[in-house]
Amino acid sequence: MDTLLSDIEPVALKAWAEKRMIFLELTDGRIFGFPADRFLILSRASDAQLKEVQIEVGGHALRWEELDEDLTVVGVVAGRFQISS
């Protein structure tokens, strides 16, 4: 039996930013949020820049074009942040 990557890794359907938090709606129905300030580039971004988040690679990545920043969905859901709390 073949297992699809989307069956074992979280995949985002939607992404948005509110009050310096980035939120993801995942295909399994969960809503996941993480603080933008846990990543170097995002911590320096304006609120308007954070809101420009796009879902890429079939829901497996987040992209901020103006900031030239990419994050994996599996990485943020697993808590792999650049800056500790």
PDB file of N, CA and C in Angstrom:
ATOM      1  N   MET A   1       0.843  -1.180   0.000  1.00  0.00           N
ATOM      2  CA  MET A   1       0.000   0.000   0.000  1.00  0.00           C
ATOM      3  C   MET A   1       0.886   1.240   0.000  1.00  0.00           C
ATOM      4  N   ASP A   2       0.650   2.141  -0.920  1.00  0.00           N
ATOM      5  CA  ASP A   2       1.419   3.376  -1.018  1.00  0.00           C
ATOM      6  C   ASP A   2       0.845   4.418  -0.070  1.00  0.00           C
ATOM      7  N   THR A   3       1.738   5.109   0.631  1.00  0.00           N
ATOM      8  CA  THR A   3       1.345   6.202   1.507  1.00  0.00           C
ATOM      9  C   THR A   3       1.765   7.505   0.860  1.00  0.00           C
ATOM     10  N   LEU A   4       0.835   8.417   0.716  1.00  0.00           N
ATOM     11  CA  LEU A   4       1.142   9.717   0.159  1.00  0.00           C
ATOM     12  C   LEU A   4       1.792  10.593   1.219  1.00  0.00           C
ATOM     13  N   LEU A   5       2.688  11.481   0.789  1.00  0.00           N
ATOM     14  CA  LEU A   5       3.333  12.406   1.706  1.00  0.00           C
ATOM     15  C   LEU A   5       2.290  13.217   2.471  1.00  0.00           C
ATOM     16  N   SER A   6       1.208  13.596   1.798  1.00  0.00           N
ATOM     17  CA  SER A   6       0.166  14.386   2.454  1.00  0.00           C
ATOM     18  C   SER A   6      -0.573  13.587   3.530  1.00  0.00           C
ATOM     19  N   ASP A   7      -0.429  12.258   3.547  1.00  0.00           N
ATOM     20  CA  ASP A   7      -1.040  11.440   4.589  1.00  0.00           C
ATOM     21  C   ASP A   7      -0.218  11.436   5.872  1.00  0.00           C
ATOM     22  N   ILE A   8       1.070  11.781   5.793  1.00  0.00           N
ATOM     23  CA  ILE A   8       1.923  11.720   6.976  1.00  0.00           C
ATOM     24  C   ILE A   8       2.477  13.076   7.390  1.00  0.00           C
ATOM     25  N   GLU A   9       2.464  14.057   6.519  1.00  0.00           N
ATOM     26  CA  GLU A   9       2.948  15.396   6.832  1.00  0.00           C
ATOM     27  C   GLU A   9       1.790  16.386   6.810  1.00  0.00           C
ATOM     28  N   PRO A  10       1.850  17.395   7.693  1.00  0.00           N
ATOM     29  CA  PRO A  10       0.806  18.419   7.657  1.00  0.00           C
ATOM     30  C   PRO A  10       0.871  19.227   6.358  1.00  0.00           C
ATOM     31  N   VAL A  11      -0.303  19.518   5.820  1.00  0.00           N
ATOM     32  CA  VAL A  11      -0.414  20.276   4.574  1.00  0.00           C
ATOM     33  C   VAL A  11      -1.366  21.445   4.823  1.00  0.00           C
ATOM     34  N   ALA A  12      -0.956  22.635   4.407  1.00  0.00           N
ATOM     35  CA  ALA A  12      -1.761  23.839   4.624  1.00  0.00           C
ATOM     36  C   ALA A  12      -2.726  24.085   3.477  1.00  0.00           C
ATOM     37  N   LEU A  13      -3.952  24.449   3.845  1.00  0.00           N
ATOM     38  CA  LEU A  13      -4.951  24.875   2.870  1.00  0.00           C
ATOM     39  C   LEU A  13      -5.013  26.395   2.777  1.00  0.00           C
ATOM     40  N   LYS A  14      -4.754  27.045   3.911  1.00  0.00           N
ATOM     41  CA  LYS A  14      -4.899  28.495   4.014  1.00  0.00           C
ATOM     42  C   LYS A  14      -3.864  29.001   5.010  1.00  0.00           C
ATOM     43  N   ALA A  15      -3.365  30.213   4.778  1.00  0.00           N
ATOM     44  CA  ALA A  15      -2.430  30.857   5.713  1.00  0.00           C
ATOM     45  C   ALA A  15      -2.792  32.331   5.818  1.00  0.00           C
ATOM     46  N   TRP A  16      -2.661  32.874   7.045  1.00  0.00           N
ATOM     47  CA  TRP A  16      -2.939  34.290   7.258  1.00  0.00           C
ATOM     48  C   TRP A  16      -2.169  34.769   8.484  1.00  0.00           C
ATOM     49  N   ALA A  17      -2.051  36.075   8.607  1.00  0.00           N
ATOM     50  CA  ALA A  17      -1.347  36.684   9.739  1.00  0.00           C
ATOM     51  C   ALA A  17      -2.276  37.634  10.476  1.00  0.00           C
ATOM     52  N   GLU A  18      -2.198  37.580  11.810  1.00  0.00           N
ATOM     53  CA  GLU A  18      -2.940  38.492  12.680  1.00  0.00           C
ATOM     54  C   GLU A  18      -2.082  38.783  13.895  1.00  0.00           C
ATOM     55  N   LYS A  19      -1.876  40.060  14.177  1.00  0.00           N
ATOM     56  CA  LYS A  19      -1.168  40.481  15.391  1.00  0.00           C
ATOM     57  C   LYS A  19       0.150  39.734  15.588  1.00  0.00           C
ATOM     58  N   ARG A  20       0.952  39.661  14.534  1.00  0.00           N
ATOM     59  CA  ARG A  20       2.289  39.054  14.545  1.00  0.00           C
ATOM     60  C   ARG A  20       2.262  37.540  14.762  1.00  0.00           C
ATOM     61  N   MET A  21       1.099  36.934  14.566  1.00  0.00           N
ATOM     62  CA  MET A  21       0.971  35.475  14.588  1.00  0.00           C
ATOM     63  C   MET A  21       0.644  35.023  13.170  1.00  0.00           C
ATOM     64  N   ILE A  22       1.246  33.914  12.767  1.00  0.00           N
ATOM     65  CA  ILE A  22       0.945  33.296  11.482  1.00  0.00           C
ATOM     66  C   ILE A  22       0.070  32.082  11.774  1.00  0.00           C
ATOM     67  N   PHE A  23      -1.051  31.992  11.081  1.00  0.00           N
ATOM     68  CA  PHE A  23      -1.988  30.888  11.273  1.00  0.00           C
ATOM     69  C   PHE A  23      -2.089  30.059  10.004  1.00  0.00           C
ATOM     70  N   LEU A  24      -2.253  28.755  10.196  1.00  0.00           N
ATOM     71  CA  LEU A  24      -2.423  27.822   9.088  1.00  0.00           C
ATOM     72  C   LEU A  24      -3.669  26.990   9.332  1.00  0.00           C
ATOM     73  N   GLU A  25      -4.465  26.815   8.310  1.00  0.00           N
ATOM     74  CA  GLU A  25      -5.543  25.830   8.344  1.00  0.00           C
ATOM     75  C   GLU A  25      -5.009  24.609   7.611  1.00  0.00           C
ATOM     76  N   LEU A  26      -4.941  23.482   8.305  1.00  0.00           N
ATOM     77  CA  LEU A  26      -4.374  22.258   7.739  1.00  0.00           C
ATOM     78  C   LEU A  26      -5.465  21.374   7.154  1.00  0.00           C
ATOM     79  N   THR A  27      -5.062  20.480   6.260  1.00  0.00           N
ATOM     80  CA  THR A  27      -6.034  19.613   5.587  1.00  0.00           C
ATOM     81  C   THR A  27      -6.764  18.685   6.539  1.00  0.00           C
ATOM     82  N   ASP A  28      -6.191  18.416   7.716  1.00  0.00           N
ATOM     83  CA  ASP A  28      -6.859  17.541   8.682  1.00  0.00           C
ATOM     84  C   ASP A  28      -7.830  18.302   9.589  1.00  0.00           C
ATOM     85  N   GLY A  29      -8.036  19.607   9.304  1.00  0.00           N
ATOM     86  CA  GLY A  29      -8.998  20.403  10.049  1.00  0.00           C
ATOM     87  C   GLY A  29      -8.409  21.224  11.182  1.00  0.00           C
ATOM     88  N   ARG A  30      -7.141  20.980  11.525  1.00  0.00           N
ATOM     89  CA  ARG A  30      -6.524  21.757  12.600  1.00  0.00           C
ATOM     90  C   ARG A  30      -6.206  23.175  12.139  1.00  0.00           C
ATOM     91  N   ILE A  31      -6.260  24.101  13.098  1.00  0.00           N
ATOM     92  CA  ILE A  31      -5.758  25.454  12.906  1.00  0.00           C
ATOM     93  C   ILE A  31      -4.501  25.547  13.767  1.00  0.00           C
ATOM     94  N   PHE A  32      -3.400  25.916  13.150  1.00  0.00           N
ATOM     95  CA  PHE A  32      -2.119  25.979  13.844  1.00  0.00           C
ATOM     96  C   PHE A  32      -1.603  27.407  13.768  1.00  0.00           C
ATOM     97  N   GLY A  33      -1.082  27.913  14.869  1.00  0.00           N
ATOM     98  CA  GLY A  33      -0.526  29.260  14.877  1.00  0.00           C
ATOM     99  C   GLY A  33       0.862  29.286  15.488  1.00  0.00           C
ATOM    100  N   PHE A  34       1.693  30.184  14.990  1.00  0.00           N
ATOM    101  CA  PHE A  34       3.028  30.361  15.562  1.00  0.00           C
ATOM    102  C   PHE A  34       3.413  31.834  15.487  1.00  0.00           C
ATOM    103  N   PRO A  35       4.231  32.296  16.437  1.00  0.00           N
ATOM    104  CA  PRO A  35       4.643  33.699  16.446  1.00  0.00           C
ATOM    105  C   PRO A  35       5.672  33.990  15.353  1.00  0.00           C
ATOM    106  N   ALA A  36       5.424  35.017  14.579  1.00  0.00           N
ATOM    107  CA  ALA A  36       6.361  35.419  13.524  1.00  0.00           C
ATOM    108  C   ALA A  36       7.729  35.752  14.114  1.00  0.00           C
ATOM    109  N   ASP A  37       7.748  36.239  15.335  1.00  0.00           N
ATOM    110  CA  ASP A  37       8.999  36.672  15.948  1.00  0.00           C
ATOM    111  C   ASP A  37       9.923  35.521  16.326  1.00  0.00           C
ATOM    112  N   ARG A  38       9.546  34.292  16.053  1.00  0.00           N
ATOM    113  CA  ARG A  38      10.418  33.138  16.286  1.00  0.00           C
ATOM    114  C   ARG A  38      11.326  32.860  15.086  1.00  0.00           C
ATOM    115  N   PHE A  39      11.208  33.694  14.030  1.00  0.00           N
ATOM    116  CA  PHE A  39      12.048  33.560  12.835  1.00  0.00           C
ATOM    117  C   PHE A  39      12.730  34.894  12.557  1.00  0.00           C
ATOM    118  N   LEU A  40      14.011  34.857  12.212  1.00  0.00           N
ATOM    119  CA  LEU A  40      14.815  36.071  12.053  1.00  0.00           C
ATOM    120  C   LEU A  40      14.208  37.072  11.082  1.00  0.00           C
ATOM    121  N   ILE A  41      13.951  36.653   9.878  1.00  0.00           N
ATOM    122  CA  ILE A  41      13.443  37.580   8.857  1.00  0.00           C
ATOM    123  C   ILE A  41      12.034  38.054   9.202  1.00  0.00           C
ATOM    124  N   LEU A  42      11.196  37.149   9.652  1.00  0.00           N
ATOM    125  CA  LEU A  42       9.819  37.535   9.986  1.00  0.00           C
ATOM    126  C   LEU A  42       9.780  38.465  11.184  1.00  0.00           C
ATOM    127  N   SER A  43      10.720  38.334  12.100  1.00  0.00           N
ATOM    128  CA  SER A  43      10.729  39.193  13.290  1.00  0.00           C
ATOM    129  C   SER A  43      10.986  40.650  12.930  1.00  0.00           C
ATOM    130  N   ARG A  44      11.612  40.893  11.789  1.00  0.00           N
ATOM    131  CA  ARG A  44      11.905  42.257  11.341  1.00  0.00           C
ATOM    132  C   ARG A  44      10.853  42.795  10.364  1.00  0.00           C
ATOM    133  N   ALA A  45       9.899  41.969  10.009  1.00  0.00           N
ATOM    134  CA  ALA A  45       8.887  42.344   9.014  1.00  0.00           C
ATOM    135  C   ALA A  45       7.787  43.190   9.640  1.00  0.00           C
ATOM    136  N   SER A  46       7.205  44.045   8.818  1.00  0.00           N
ATOM    137  CA  SER A  46       6.046  44.823   9.264  1.00  0.00           C
ATOM    138  C   SER A  46       4.813  43.913   9.278  1.00  0.00           C
ATOM    139  N   ASP A  47       3.769  44.364   9.961  1.00  0.00           N
ATOM    140  CA  ASP A  47       2.518  43.604   9.972  1.00  0.00           C
ATOM    141  C   ASP A  47       1.981  43.430   8.552  1.00  0.00           C
ATOM    142  N   ALA A  48       2.100  44.478   7.739  1.00  0.00           N
ATOM    143  CA  ALA A  48       1.631  44.405   6.346  1.00  0.00           C
ATOM    144  C   ALA A  48       2.427  43.359   5.560  1.00  0.00           C
ATOM    145  N   GLN A  49       3.725  43.297   5.777  1.00  0.00           N
ATOM    146  CA  GLN A  49       4.549  42.298   5.085  1.00  0.00           C
ATOM    147  C   GLN A  49       4.175  40.885   5.530  1.00  0.00           C
ATOM    148  N   LEU A  50       3.926  40.688   6.807  1.00  0.00           N
ATOM    149  CA  LEU A  50       3.551  39.358   7.296  1.00  0.00           C
ATOM    150  C   LEU A  50       2.260  38.872   6.650  1.00  0.00           C
ATOM    151  N   LYS A  51       1.347  39.776   6.380  1.00  0.00           N
ATOM    152  CA  LYS A  51       0.062  39.403   5.787  1.00  0.00           C
ATOM    153  C   LYS A  51       0.185  38.928   4.342  1.00  0.00           C
ATOM    154  N   GLU A  52       1.351  39.107   3.738  1.00  0.00           N
ATOM    155  CA  GLU A  52       1.560  38.698   2.352  1.00  0.00           C
ATOM    156  C   GLU A  52       1.979  37.234   2.219  1.00  0.00           C
ATOM    157  N   VAL A  53       1.754  36.432   3.250  1.00  0.00           N
ATOM    158  CA  VAL A  53       2.122  35.016   3.221  1.00  0.00           C
ATOM    159  C   VAL A  53       1.329  34.288   2.131  1.00  0.00           C
ATOM    160  N   GLN A  54       2.013  33.415   1.428  1.00  0.00           N
ATOM    161  CA  GLN A  54       1.408  32.596   0.378  1.00  0.00           C
ATOM    162  C   GLN A  54       1.719  31.125   0.654  1.00  0.00           C
ATOM    163  N   ILE A  55       0.808  30.254   0.277  1.00  0.00           N
ATOM    164  CA  ILE A  55       1.038  28.814   0.369  1.00  0.00           C
ATOM    165  C   ILE A  55       1.642  28.355  -0.949  1.00  0.00           C
ATOM    166  N   GLU A  56       2.715  27.582  -0.857  1.00  0.00           N
ATOM    167  CA  GLU A  56       3.422  27.095  -2.043  1.00  0.00           C
ATOM    168  C   GLU A  56       3.626  25.581  -1.944  1.00  0.00           C
ATOM    169  N   VAL A  57       4.129  24.994  -2.997  1.00  0.00           N
ATOM    170  CA  VAL A  57       4.519  23.579  -3.074  1.00  0.00           C
ATOM    171  C   VAL A  57       3.390  22.666  -2.590  1.00  0.00           C
ATOM    172  N   GLY A  58       2.198  22.912  -3.109  1.00  0.00           N
ATOM    173  CA  GLY A  58       1.064  22.059  -2.793  1.00  0.00           C
ATOM    174  C   GLY A  58       0.669  22.044  -1.328  1.00  0.00           C
ATOM    175  N   GLY A  59       0.934  23.144  -0.623  1.00  0.00           N
ATOM    176  CA  GLY A  59       0.567  23.243   0.780  1.00  0.00           C
ATOM    177  C   GLY A  59       1.666  22.852   1.750  1.00  0.00           C
ATOM    178  N   HIS A  60       2.854  22.562   1.231  1.00  0.00           N
ATOM    179  CA  HIS A  60       3.966  22.123   2.076  1.00  0.00           C
ATOM    180  C   HIS A  60       4.912  23.253   2.466  1.00  0.00           C
ATOM    181  N   ALA A  61       4.730  24.451   1.918  1.00  0.00           N
ATOM    182  CA  ALA A  61       5.640  25.557   2.220  1.00  0.00           C
ATOM    183  C   ALA A  61       4.874  26.875   2.313  1.00  0.00           C
ATOM    184  N   LEU A  62       5.480  27.798   3.072  1.00  0.00           N
ATOM    185  CA  LEU A  62       4.972  29.168   3.185  1.00  0.00           C
ATOM    186  C   LEU A  62       6.000  30.078   2.548  1.00  0.00           C
ATOM    187  N   ARG A  63       5.524  31.112   1.849  1.00  0.00           N
ATOM    188  CA  ARG A  63       6.421  32.017   1.123  1.00  0.00           C
ATOM    189  C   ARG A  63       5.991  33.457   1.353  1.00  0.00           C
ATOM    190  N   TRP A  64       6.988  34.302   1.638  1.00  0.00           N
ATOM    191  CA  TRP A  64       6.824  35.752   1.690  1.00  0.00           C
ATOM    192  C   TRP A  64       7.735  36.307   0.606  1.00  0.00           C
ATOM    193  N   GLU A  65       7.174  36.631  -0.537  1.00  0.00           N
ATOM    194  CA  GLU A  65       7.954  37.049  -1.704  1.00  0.00           C
ATOM    195  C   GLU A  65       8.791  38.286  -1.412  1.00  0.00           C
ATOM    196  N   GLU A  66       8.184  39.340  -0.882  1.00  0.00           N
ATOM    197  CA  GLU A  66       8.900  40.590  -0.638  1.00  0.00           C
ATOM    198  C   GLU A  66      10.052  40.403   0.350  1.00  0.00           C
ATOM    199  N   LEU A  67       9.880  39.498   1.302  1.00  0.00           N
ATOM    200  CA  LEU A  67      10.911  39.240   2.308  1.00  0.00           C
ATOM    201  C   LEU A  67      11.918  38.184   1.855  1.00  0.00           C
ATOM    202  N   ASP A  68      11.623  37.489   0.759  1.00  0.00           N
ATOM    203  CA  ASP A  68      12.422  36.373   0.261  1.00  0.00           C
ATOM    204  C   ASP A  68      12.609  35.324   1.354  1.00  0.00           C
ATOM    205  N   GLU A  69      11.501  34.956   2.006  1.00  0.00           N
ATOM    206  CA  GLU A  69      11.515  33.995   3.109  1.00  0.00           C
ATOM    207  C   GLU A  69      10.612  32.816   2.787  1.00  0.00           C
ATOM    208  N   ASP A  70      11.117  31.631   3.053  1.00  0.00           N
ATOM    209  CA  ASP A  70      10.373  30.394   2.853  1.00  0.00           C
ATOM    210  C   ASP A  70      10.473  29.558   4.120  1.00  0.00           C
ATOM    211  N   LEU A  71       9.361  28.969   4.534  1.00  0.00           N
ATOM    212  CA  LEU A  71       9.329  28.058   5.674  1.00  0.00           C
ATOM    213  C   LEU A  71       8.558  26.815   5.266  1.00  0.00           C
ATOM    214  N   THR A  72       8.937  25.674   5.806  1.00  0.00           N
ATOM    215  CA  THR A  72       8.161  24.466   5.539  1.00  0.00           C
ATOM    216  C   THR A  72       7.047  24.348   6.569  1.00  0.00           C
ATOM    217  N   VAL A  73       5.920  23.851   6.126  1.00  0.00           N
ATOM    218  CA  VAL A  73       4.788  23.638   7.023  1.00  0.00           C
ATOM    219  C   VAL A  73       5.155  22.593   8.073  1.00  0.00           C
ATOM    220  N   VAL A  74       5.770  21.507   7.658  1.00  0.00           N
ATOM    221  CA  VAL A  74       6.149  20.462   8.612  1.00  0.00           C
ATOM    222  C   VAL A  74       7.120  21.009   9.658  1.00  0.00           C
ATOM    223  N   GLY A  75       8.005  21.905   9.270  1.00  0.00           N
ATOM    224  CA  GLY A  75       8.968  22.487  10.210  1.00  0.00           C
ATOM    225  C   GLY A  75       8.315  23.345  11.275  1.00  0.00           C
ATOM    226  N   VAL A  76       7.401  24.220  10.860  1.00  0.00           N
ATOM    227  CA  VAL A  76       6.769  25.091  11.858  1.00  0.00           C
ATOM    228  C   VAL A  76       5.814  24.304  12.754  1.00  0.00           C
ATOM    229  N   VAL A  77       5.103  23.326  12.196  1.00  0.00           N
ATOM    230  CA  VAL A  77       4.205  22.513  13.019  1.00  0.00           C
ATOM    231  C   VAL A  77       5.015  21.691  14.034  1.00  0.00           C
ATOM    232  N   ALA A  78       6.214  21.277  13.644  1.00  0.00           N
ATOM    233  CA  ALA A  78       7.085  20.513  14.558  1.00  0.00           C
ATOM    234  C   ALA A  78       7.808  21.413  15.556  1.00  0.00           C
ATOM    235  N   GLY A  79       7.670  22.745  15.400  1.00  0.00           N
ATOM    236  CA  GLY A  79       8.296  23.656  16.345  1.00  0.00           C
ATOM    237  C   GLY A  79       9.764  23.946  16.078  1.00  0.00           C
ATOM    238  N   ARG A  80      10.191  23.767  14.832  1.00  0.00           N
ATOM    239  CA  ARG A  80      11.591  24.061  14.484  1.00  0.00           C
ATOM    240  C   ARG A  80      11.720  25.550  14.169  1.00  0.00           C
ATOM    241  N   PHE A  81      11.910  26.338  15.232  1.00  0.00           N
ATOM    242  CA  PHE A  81      12.019  27.786  15.122  1.00  0.00           C
ATOM    243  C   PHE A  81      13.476  28.214  15.139  1.00  0.00           C
ATOM    244  N   GLN A  82      13.781  29.390  14.579  1.00  0.00           N
ATOM    245  CA  GLN A  82      15.142  29.922  14.560  1.00  0.00           C
ATOM    246  C   GLN A  82      15.498  30.623  15.857  1.00  0.00           C
ATOM    247  N   ILE A  83      14.510  31.196  16.519  1.00  0.00           N
ATOM    248  CA  ILE A  83      14.735  31.977  17.741  1.00  0.00           C
ATOM    249  C   ILE A  83      13.952  31.314  18.862  1.00  0.00           C
ATOM    250  N   SER A  84      14.632  30.996  19.955  1.00  0.00           N
ATOM    251  CA  SER A  84      13.934  30.360  21.079  1.00  0.00           C
ATOM    252  C   SER A  84      13.073  31.378  21.823  1.00  0.00           C
ATOM    253  N   SER A  85      12.128  30.877  22.566  1.00  0.00           N
ATOM    254  CA  SER A  85      11.215  31.777  23.276  1.00  0.00           C
ATOM    255  C   SER A  85      11.837  32.351  24.532  1.00  0.00           C
TER     256      SER A  85
END
